[in-house]
């Protein structure tokens, strides 16, 4: 791996990169993040909403505002930014209008029918969720067990069929596969690349001082938009792989 010791900001994807899908990060990862926060700024960007950041990330970090001042959270694919000012403050939110949400919901229902999606008999939470700045479809429900999610669409073919239909019906929006069973819909151009650019402006930091770490940097993956910014990217397979990357940065 190239030497990234000169980077001032490390941006991580969340699910599949520093945590298992929708699961809390383990104690080893939490300790590594704390060590990294002592040396660099850290941002975490994910399709999940802020409540998931609280349960998966913040609940596992030791309390201490001096650490949180170096931490930046970007839920819903970078359509929001939270910064620490004694408490978590929403810096911006690119919310979708009520009219657009209604249109998205109607087209999503239609796409699920056309793609012959069969809803689970027992969904684990909401299948379609309004996250304010993002509409998210989760095939088995938001809280489905990881073992079930991993076998539902491992080739991404089921979701790709839905995405292809939605892209034709929602040309004003970004539609992309996320996580292991989900599809995320945001305003056009408001994605992880957008979040990175917002960090660039907010921190007054050039992209050359940043690095992005994610498990879905391949074409069509939900981390792929990060590449369009020109930022250095490190592909990883899973959280265990990410731990090795962090250790390299700390060395």
C-alpha atoms as a PDB file:
ATOM      1  CA  UNK A   1       0.000   0.000   0.000  1.00  0.00           C
ATOM      2  CA  UNK A   2       1.323   3.497  -0.814  1.00  0.00           C
ATOM      3  CA  UNK A   3       2.345   5.700   2.106  1.00  0.00           C
ATOM      4  CA  UNK A   4      -0.644   7.826   3.143  1.00  0.00           C
ATOM      5  CA  UNK A   5       0.962   9.267   6.293  1.00  0.00           C
ATOM      6  CA  UNK A   6       0.802  12.785   4.818  1.00  0.00           C
ATOM      7  CA  UNK A   7      -2.995  12.675   4.519  1.00  0.00           C
ATOM      8  CA  UNK A   8      -4.858  14.918   6.952  1.00  0.00           C
ATOM      9  CA  UNK A   9      -8.356  13.475   6.472  1.00  0.00           C
ATOM     10  CA  UNK A  10      -9.330   9.807   6.157  1.00  0.00           C
ATOM     11  CA  UNK A  11     -12.848   9.247   4.813  1.00  0.00           C
ATOM     12  CA  UNK A  12     -14.405   5.846   5.445  1.00  0.00           C
ATOM     13  CA  UNK A  13     -17.459   4.158   4.052  1.00  0.00           C
ATOM     14  CA  UNK A  14     -19.368   2.558   6.953  1.00  0.00           C
ATOM     15  CA  UNK A  15     -21.181  -0.726   6.201  1.00  0.00           C
ATOM     16  CA  UNK A  16     -18.799  -3.375   4.942  1.00  0.00           C
ATOM     17  CA  UNK A  17     -15.810  -1.113   5.570  1.00  0.00           C
ATOM     18  CA  UNK A  18     -15.643  -0.323   9.295  1.00  0.00           C
ATOM     19  CA  UNK A  19     -18.722  -2.273  10.403  1.00  0.00           C
ATOM     20  CA  UNK A  20     -20.634  -5.327   9.186  1.00  0.00           C
ATOM     21  CA  UNK A  21     -23.870  -4.253   7.459  1.00  0.00           C
ATOM     22  CA  UNK A  22     -26.093  -2.407   9.979  1.00  0.00           C
ATOM     23  CA  UNK A  23     -24.034  -3.852  12.867  1.00  0.00           C
ATOM     24  CA  UNK A  24     -21.955  -1.973  15.479  1.00  0.00           C
ATOM     25  CA  UNK A  25     -18.216  -1.801  14.941  1.00  0.00           C
ATOM     26  CA  UNK A  26     -16.237  -4.129  17.181  1.00  0.00           C
ATOM     27  CA  UNK A  27     -14.007  -3.013  20.061  1.00  0.00           C
ATOM     28  CA  UNK A  28     -10.818  -3.459  18.034  1.00  0.00           C
ATOM     29  CA  UNK A  29     -12.100  -1.158  15.272  1.00  0.00           C
ATOM     30  CA  UNK A  30     -13.315   1.381  17.855  1.00  0.00           C
ATOM     31  CA  UNK A  31      -9.846   1.475  19.437  1.00  0.00           C
ATOM     32  CA  UNK A  32      -8.209   1.973  16.040  1.00  0.00           C
ATOM     33  CA  UNK A  33     -10.596   4.811  15.154  1.00  0.00           C
ATOM     34  CA  UNK A  34      -9.810   6.515  18.485  1.00  0.00           C
ATOM     35  CA  UNK A  35      -6.070   6.244  17.774  1.00  0.00           C
ATOM     36  CA  UNK A  36      -6.586   7.627  14.276  1.00  0.00           C
ATOM     37  CA  UNK A  37      -8.666  10.545  15.608  1.00  0.00           C
ATOM     38  CA  UNK A  38      -5.725  11.514  17.808  1.00  0.00           C
ATOM     39  CA  UNK A  39      -3.568  11.974  14.693  1.00  0.00           C
ATOM     40  CA  UNK A  40      -5.917  12.891  11.837  1.00  0.00           C
ATOM     41  CA  UNK A  41      -9.378  14.077  10.959  1.00  0.00           C
ATOM     42  CA  UNK A  42     -11.789  11.239  10.212  1.00  0.00           C
ATOM     43  CA  UNK A  43     -15.038  11.293   8.222  1.00  0.00           C
ATOM     44  CA  UNK A  44     -17.562   8.469   7.873  1.00  0.00           C
ATOM     45  CA  UNK A  45     -20.018   8.478   4.970  1.00  0.00           C
ATOM     46  CA  UNK A  46     -22.843   5.991   4.436  1.00  0.00           C
ATOM     47  CA  UNK A  47     -26.298   5.481   2.984  1.00  0.00           C
ATOM     48  CA  UNK A  48     -27.665   4.934   6.495  1.00  0.00           C
ATOM     49  CA  UNK A  49     -29.407   7.658   8.490  1.00  0.00           C
ATOM     50  CA  UNK A  50     -27.910   9.413  11.529  1.00  0.00           C
ATOM     51  CA  UNK A  51     -29.582   7.041  14.059  1.00  0.00           C
ATOM     52  CA  UNK A  52     -27.549   4.186  12.562  1.00  0.00           C
ATOM     53  CA  UNK A  53     -24.367   6.218  13.034  1.00  0.00           C
ATOM     54  CA  UNK A  54     -25.309   6.596  16.694  1.00  0.00           C
ATOM     55  CA  UNK A  55     -25.813   2.861  17.269  1.00  0.00           C
ATOM     56  CA  UNK A  56     -23.042   1.546  15.004  1.00  0.00           C
ATOM     57  CA  UNK A  57     -20.307   4.123  15.625  1.00  0.00           C
ATOM     58  CA  UNK A  58     -20.871   6.669  18.372  1.00  0.00           C
ATOM     59  CA  UNK A  59     -22.132   4.195  20.971  1.00  0.00           C
ATOM     60  CA  UNK A  60     -18.840   2.302  20.625  1.00  0.00           C
ATOM     61  CA  UNK A  61     -16.561   5.317  21.031  1.00  0.00           C
ATOM     62  CA  UNK A  62     -15.543   6.584  24.486  1.00  0.00           C
ATOM     63  CA  UNK A  63     -17.150   9.868  25.471  1.00  0.00           C
ATOM     64  CA  UNK A  64     -14.873  12.837  24.896  1.00  0.00           C
ATOM     65  CA  UNK A  65     -15.507  16.019  22.940  1.00  0.00           C
ATOM     66  CA  UNK A  66     -11.793  16.446  22.228  1.00  0.00           C
ATOM     67  CA  UNK A  67     -11.992  13.343  20.042  1.00  0.00           C
ATOM     68  CA  UNK A  68     -15.276  14.228  18.359  1.00  0.00           C
ATOM     69  CA  UNK A  69     -13.948  17.568  17.086  1.00  0.00           C
ATOM     70  CA  UNK A  70     -11.885  15.565  14.578  1.00  0.00           C
ATOM     71  CA  UNK A  71     -14.857  13.387  13.554  1.00  0.00           C
ATOM     72  CA  UNK A  72     -17.274  14.252  10.727  1.00  0.00           C
ATOM     73  CA  UNK A  73     -20.380  12.198   9.958  1.00  0.00           C
ATOM     74  CA  UNK A  74     -22.116  12.151   6.568  1.00  0.00           C
ATOM     75  CA  UNK A  75     -25.315  10.055   6.658  1.00  0.00           C
ATOM     76  CA  UNK A  76     -27.612   9.285   3.720  1.00  0.00           C
ATOM     77  CA  UNK A  77     -24.830   9.075   1.125  1.00  0.00           C
ATOM     78  CA  UNK A  78     -23.352  12.483   1.908  1.00  0.00           C
ATOM     79  CA  UNK A  79     -26.641  14.373   1.638  1.00  0.00           C
ATOM     80  CA  UNK A  80     -26.096  15.520   5.267  1.00  0.00           C
ATOM     81  CA  UNK A  81     -23.094  16.560   7.342  1.00  0.00           C
ATOM     82  CA  UNK A  82     -22.905  16.432  11.147  1.00  0.00           C
ATOM     83  CA  UNK A  83     -20.114  18.195  13.059  1.00  0.00           C
ATOM     84  CA  UNK A  84     -19.359  18.258  16.796  1.00  0.00           C
ATOM     85  CA  UNK A  85     -20.018  21.535  18.633  1.00  0.00           C
ATOM     86  CA  UNK A  86     -20.553  20.267  22.147  1.00  0.00           C
ATOM     87  CA  UNK A  87     -23.296  18.177  20.600  1.00  0.00           C
ATOM     88  CA  UNK A  88     -23.839  16.887  17.073  1.00  0.00           C
ATOM     89  CA  UNK A  89     -24.877  19.750  14.771  1.00  0.00           C
ATOM     90  CA  UNK A  90     -26.384  19.288  11.303  1.00  0.00           C
ATOM     91  CA  UNK A  91     -24.251  21.469   9.041  1.00  0.00           C
ATOM     92  CA  UNK A  92     -26.374  20.931   5.915  1.00  0.00           C
ATOM     93  CA  UNK A  93     -29.144  18.677   4.608  1.00  0.00           C
ATOM     94  CA  UNK A  94     -30.140  18.333   0.957  1.00  0.00           C
ATOM     95  CA  UNK A  95     -33.729  17.296   1.672  1.00  0.00           C
ATOM     96  CA  UNK A  96     -36.061  16.032  -1.037  1.00  0.00           C
ATOM     97  CA  UNK A  97     -39.304  17.988  -1.446  1.00  0.00           C
ATOM     98  CA  UNK A  98     -42.688  16.436  -0.579  1.00  0.00           C
ATOM     99  CA  UNK A  99     -43.723  16.517  -4.245  1.00  0.00           C
ATOM    100  CA  UNK A 100     -40.541  14.733  -5.337  1.00  0.00           C
ATOM    101  CA  UNK A 101     -40.872  12.182  -2.543  1.00  0.00           C
ATOM    102  CA  UNK A 102     -44.401  11.335  -3.682  1.00  0.00           C
ATOM    103  CA  UNK A 103     -43.147  10.871  -7.238  1.00  0.00           C
ATOM    104  CA  UNK A 104     -40.241   8.678  -6.096  1.00  0.00           C
ATOM    105  CA  UNK A 105     -42.508   6.489  -3.966  1.00  0.00           C
ATOM    106  CA  UNK A 106     -44.945   5.987  -6.854  1.00  0.00           C
ATOM    107  CA  UNK A 107     -42.173   5.100  -9.310  1.00  0.00           C
ATOM    108  CA  UNK A 108     -40.519   2.791  -6.772  1.00  0.00           C
ATOM    109  CA  UNK A 109     -43.774   0.893  -6.216  1.00  0.00           C
ATOM    110  CA  UNK A 110     -44.139   0.560  -9.989  1.00  0.00           C
ATOM    111  CA  UNK A 111     -40.542  -0.621 -10.447  1.00  0.00           C
ATOM    112  CA  UNK A 112     -40.928  -3.294  -7.765  1.00  0.00           C
ATOM    113  CA  UNK A 113     -43.975  -4.668  -9.590  1.00  0.00           C
ATOM    114  CA  UNK A 114     -42.250  -4.601 -12.991  1.00  0.00           C
ATOM    115  CA  UNK A 115     -39.146  -6.301 -11.558  1.00  0.00           C
ATOM    116  CA  UNK A 116     -41.397  -8.924  -9.928  1.00  0.00           C
ATOM    117  CA  UNK A 117     -40.067  -8.242  -6.468  1.00  0.00           C
ATOM    118  CA  UNK A 118     -41.571 -10.594  -3.902  1.00  0.00           C
ATOM    119  CA  UNK A 119     -41.765  -8.895  -0.484  1.00  0.00           C
ATOM    120  CA  UNK A 120     -40.785 -11.064   2.474  1.00  0.00           C
ATOM    121  CA  UNK A 121     -43.608 -12.630   4.470  1.00  0.00           C
ATOM    122  CA  UNK A 122     -41.961 -11.279   7.602  1.00  0.00           C
ATOM    123  CA  UNK A 123     -40.094  -8.018   6.899  1.00  0.00           C
ATOM    124  CA  UNK A 124     -37.566  -6.867   9.480  1.00  0.00           C
ATOM    125  CA  UNK A 125     -38.686  -3.255   9.742  1.00  0.00           C
ATOM    126  CA  UNK A 126     -39.552  -0.819   6.950  1.00  0.00           C
ATOM    127  CA  UNK A 127     -38.897  -1.923   3.385  1.00  0.00           C
ATOM    128  CA  UNK A 128     -39.158   1.648   2.066  1.00  0.00           C
ATOM    129  CA  UNK A 129     -37.823   4.403   4.320  1.00  0.00           C
ATOM    130  CA  UNK A 130     -37.994   8.189   3.969  1.00  0.00           C
ATOM    131  CA  UNK A 131     -34.694   9.503   5.345  1.00  0.00           C
ATOM    132  CA  UNK A 132     -35.458  13.119   4.453  1.00  0.00           C
ATOM    133  CA  UNK A 133     -32.614  13.612   1.994  1.00  0.00           C
ATOM    134  CA  UNK A 134     -32.765  10.033   0.686  1.00  0.00           C
ATOM    135  CA  UNK A 135     -35.380   7.387  -0.038  1.00  0.00           C
ATOM    136  CA  UNK A 136     -34.062   3.893   0.709  1.00  0.00           C
ATOM    137  CA  UNK A 137     -35.463   0.531  -0.335  1.00  0.00           C
ATOM    138  CA  UNK A 138     -34.349  -2.430   1.794  1.00  0.00           C
ATOM    139  CA  UNK A 139     -35.587  -5.721   0.362  1.00  0.00           C
ATOM    140  CA  UNK A 140     -35.894  -7.591   3.679  1.00  0.00           C
ATOM    141  CA  UNK A 141     -36.482  -4.574   5.919  1.00  0.00           C
ATOM    142  CA  UNK A 142     -34.059  -2.186   7.606  1.00  0.00           C
ATOM    143  CA  UNK A 143     -33.196  -4.507  10.500  1.00  0.00           C
ATOM    144  CA  UNK A 144     -32.850  -7.833   8.709  1.00  0.00           C
ATOM    145  CA  UNK A 145     -30.177 -10.200  10.107  1.00  0.00           C
ATOM    146  CA  UNK A 146     -26.864 -10.043   8.281  1.00  0.00           C
ATOM    147  CA  UNK A 147     -26.863 -13.737   7.352  1.00  0.00           C
ATOM    148  CA  UNK A 148     -30.205 -13.356   5.543  1.00  0.00           C
ATOM    149  CA  UNK A 149     -29.121 -10.175   3.766  1.00  0.00           C
ATOM    150  CA  UNK A 150     -25.904 -11.695   2.496  1.00  0.00           C
ATOM    151  CA  UNK A 151     -27.686 -14.503   0.631  1.00  0.00           C
ATOM    152  CA  UNK A 152     -30.621 -12.502  -0.766  1.00  0.00           C
ATOM    153  CA  UNK A 153     -28.819 -10.784  -3.660  1.00  0.00           C
ATOM    154  CA  UNK A 154     -25.088 -11.633  -3.650  1.00  0.00           C
ATOM    155  CA  UNK A 155     -24.711 -10.948  -7.395  1.00  0.00           C
ATOM    156  CA  UNK A 156     -26.689  -7.663  -7.156  1.00  0.00           C
ATOM    157  CA  UNK A 157     -28.823  -8.848 -10.107  1.00  0.00           C
ATOM    158  CA  UNK A 158     -32.177  -8.478  -8.291  1.00  0.00           C
ATOM    159  CA  UNK A 159     -31.479  -4.908  -7.308  1.00  0.00           C
ATOM    160  CA  UNK A 160     -29.912  -4.008 -10.647  1.00  0.00           C
ATOM    161  CA  UNK A 161     -33.181  -4.925 -12.392  1.00  0.00           C
ATOM    162  CA  UNK A 162     -35.041  -2.512 -10.098  1.00  0.00           C
ATOM    163  CA  UNK A 163     -32.382   0.194 -10.487  1.00  0.00           C
ATOM    164  CA  UNK A 164     -32.505   0.000 -14.297  1.00  0.00           C
ATOM    165  CA  UNK A 165     -36.265   0.588 -14.254  1.00  0.00           C
ATOM    166  CA  UNK A 166     -36.000   3.434 -11.747  1.00  0.00           C
ATOM    167  CA  UNK A 167     -33.247   5.231 -13.646  1.00  0.00           C
ATOM    168  CA  UNK A 168     -35.503   5.403 -16.691  1.00  0.00           C
ATOM    169  CA  UNK A 169     -38.463   6.638 -14.650  1.00  0.00           C
ATOM    170  CA  UNK A 170     -36.539   9.050 -12.381  1.00  0.00           C
ATOM    171  CA  UNK A 171     -34.021  10.855 -14.623  1.00  0.00           C
ATOM    172  CA  UNK A 172     -33.769  13.802 -12.184  1.00  0.00           C
ATOM    173  CA  UNK A 173     -32.473  11.600  -9.369  1.00  0.00           C
ATOM    174  CA  UNK A 174     -29.495   9.397  -8.568  1.00  0.00           C
ATOM    175  CA  UNK A 175     -30.458   5.747  -8.077  1.00  0.00           C
ATOM    176  CA  UNK A 176     -27.788   3.329  -6.873  1.00  0.00           C
ATOM    177  CA  UNK A 177     -27.303  -0.026  -5.181  1.00  0.00           C
ATOM    178  CA  UNK A 178     -26.250   0.290  -1.544  1.00  0.00           C
ATOM    179  CA  UNK A 179     -25.381  -2.147   1.226  1.00  0.00           C
ATOM    180  CA  UNK A 180     -26.312  -5.785   0.690  1.00  0.00           C
ATOM    181  CA  UNK A 181     -30.081  -5.514   0.072  1.00  0.00           C
ATOM    182  CA  UNK A 182     -30.755  -1.808  -0.451  1.00  0.00           C
ATOM    183  CA  UNK A 183     -31.254   0.829  -3.143  1.00  0.00           C
ATOM    184  CA  UNK A 184     -30.687   4.523  -2.369  1.00  0.00           C
ATOM    185  CA  UNK A 185     -32.366   7.430  -4.174  1.00  0.00           C
ATOM    186  CA  UNK A 186     -31.144  11.023  -3.800  1.00  0.00           C
ATOM    187  CA  UNK A 187     -31.234  14.265  -5.745  1.00  0.00           C
ATOM    188  CA  UNK A 188     -29.131  14.146  -8.923  1.00  0.00           C
ATOM    189  CA  UNK A 189     -25.451  14.555  -8.165  1.00  0.00           C
ATOM    190  CA  UNK A 190     -25.959  14.400  -4.397  1.00  0.00           C
ATOM    191  CA  UNK A 191     -23.923  11.330  -3.488  1.00  0.00           C
ATOM    192  CA  UNK A 192     -20.620  10.402  -1.811  1.00  0.00           C
ATOM    193  CA  UNK A 193     -18.713  12.582  -4.287  1.00  0.00           C
ATOM    194  CA  UNK A 194     -20.944  15.491  -3.273  1.00  0.00           C
ATOM    195  CA  UNK A 195     -20.216  14.783   0.398  1.00  0.00           C
ATOM    196  CA  UNK A 196     -16.469  14.758  -0.254  1.00  0.00           C
ATOM    197  CA  UNK A 197     -16.688  18.097  -2.069  1.00  0.00           C
ATOM    198  CA  UNK A 198     -18.666  19.563   0.837  1.00  0.00           C
ATOM    199  CA  UNK A 199     -15.926  18.417   3.227  1.00  0.00           C
ATOM    200  CA  UNK A 200     -13.347  20.029   0.940  1.00  0.00           C
ATOM    201  CA  UNK A 201     -15.174  23.370   1.223  1.00  0.00           C
ATOM    202  CA  UNK A 202     -16.081  23.084   4.914  1.00  0.00           C
ATOM    203  CA  UNK A 203     -12.568  22.135   6.053  1.00  0.00           C
ATOM    204  CA  UNK A 204     -10.779  24.322   3.461  1.00  0.00           C
ATOM    205  CA  UNK A 205      -8.705  21.264   2.672  1.00  0.00           C
ATOM    206  CA  UNK A 206      -7.543  20.214  -0.814  1.00  0.00           C
ATOM    207  CA  UNK A 207      -8.403  16.745  -2.042  1.00  0.00           C
ATOM    208  CA  UNK A 208      -4.686  15.914  -2.125  1.00  0.00           C
ATOM    209  CA  UNK A 209      -4.765  15.890   1.684  1.00  0.00           C
ATOM    210  CA  UNK A 210      -7.621  13.351   1.790  1.00  0.00           C
ATOM    211  CA  UNK A 211      -7.962   9.613   1.212  1.00  0.00           C
ATOM    212  CA  UNK A 212     -11.136   7.521   0.845  1.00  0.00           C
ATOM    213  CA  UNK A 213     -11.468   3.921   2.083  1.00  0.00           C
ATOM    214  CA  UNK A 214     -14.385   1.755   0.912  1.00  0.00           C
ATOM    215  CA  UNK A 215     -15.482  -1.759   0.035  1.00  0.00           C
ATOM    216  CA  UNK A 216     -17.570  -0.848  -3.041  1.00  0.00           C
ATOM    217  CA  UNK A 217     -15.239   1.240  -5.192  1.00  0.00           C
ATOM    218  CA  UNK A 218     -15.871  -0.919  -8.256  1.00  0.00           C
ATOM    219  CA  UNK A 219     -17.978   0.424 -11.138  1.00  0.00           C
ATOM    220  CA  UNK A 220     -21.610   0.506 -10.026  1.00  0.00           C
ATOM    221  CA  UNK A 221     -20.712   0.230  -6.340  1.00  0.00           C
ATOM    222  CA  UNK A 222     -22.069   2.783  -3.900  1.00  0.00           C
ATOM    223  CA  UNK A 223     -18.532   4.053  -3.167  1.00  0.00           C
ATOM    224  CA  UNK A 224     -17.708   4.477  -6.863  1.00  0.00           C
ATOM    225  CA  UNK A 225     -18.812   8.172  -7.045  1.00  0.00           C
ATOM    226  CA  UNK A 226     -15.917   9.026  -4.712  1.00  0.00           C
ATOM    227  CA  UNK A 227     -13.501   8.277  -7.554  1.00  0.00           C
ATOM    228  CA  UNK A 228     -14.988  11.038  -9.715  1.00  0.00           C
ATOM    229  CA  UNK A 229     -13.550  13.663  -7.345  1.00  0.00           C
ATOM    230  CA  UNK A 230      -9.987  12.563  -8.050  1.00  0.00           C
ATOM    231  CA  UNK A 231      -9.395  11.712  -4.384  1.00  0.00           C
ATOM    232  CA  UNK A 232      -6.956   8.880  -3.595  1.00  0.00           C
ATOM    233  CA  UNK A 233      -8.966   5.716  -2.892  1.00  0.00           C
ATOM    234  CA  UNK A 234      -8.114   2.531  -1.028  1.00  0.00           C
ATOM    235  CA  UNK A 235     -10.331  -0.488  -1.829  1.00  0.00           C
ATOM    236  CA  UNK A 236     -10.926  -2.950   1.009  1.00  0.00           C
ATOM    237  CA  UNK A 237     -12.802  -6.248   1.245  1.00  0.00           C
ATOM    238  CA  UNK A 238     -14.247  -5.976   4.751  1.00  0.00           C
ATOM    239  CA  UNK A 239     -13.656  -4.430   8.223  1.00  0.00           C
ATOM    240  CA  UNK A 240     -10.737  -6.791   8.892  1.00  0.00           C
ATOM    241  CA  UNK A 241      -9.035  -5.481   5.766  1.00  0.00           C
ATOM    242  CA  UNK A 242      -9.752  -1.906   6.893  1.00  0.00           C
ATOM    243  CA  UNK A 243      -8.044  -2.544  10.232  1.00  0.00           C
ATOM    244  CA  UNK A 244      -4.842  -3.382   8.348  1.00  0.00           C
ATOM    245  CA  UNK A 245      -5.133  -0.126   6.400  1.00  0.00           C
ATOM    246  CA  UNK A 246      -5.567   1.894   9.611  1.00  0.00           C
ATOM    247  CA  UNK A 247      -2.589   0.160  11.222  1.00  0.00           C
ATOM    248  CA  UNK A 248      -0.490   1.080   8.187  1.00  0.00           C
ATOM    249  CA  UNK A 249      -1.568   4.711   8.567  1.00  0.00           C
ATOM    250  CA  UNK A 250      -0.718   4.665  12.282  1.00  0.00           C
ATOM    251  CA  UNK A 251       2.699   3.061  11.771  1.00  0.00           C
END
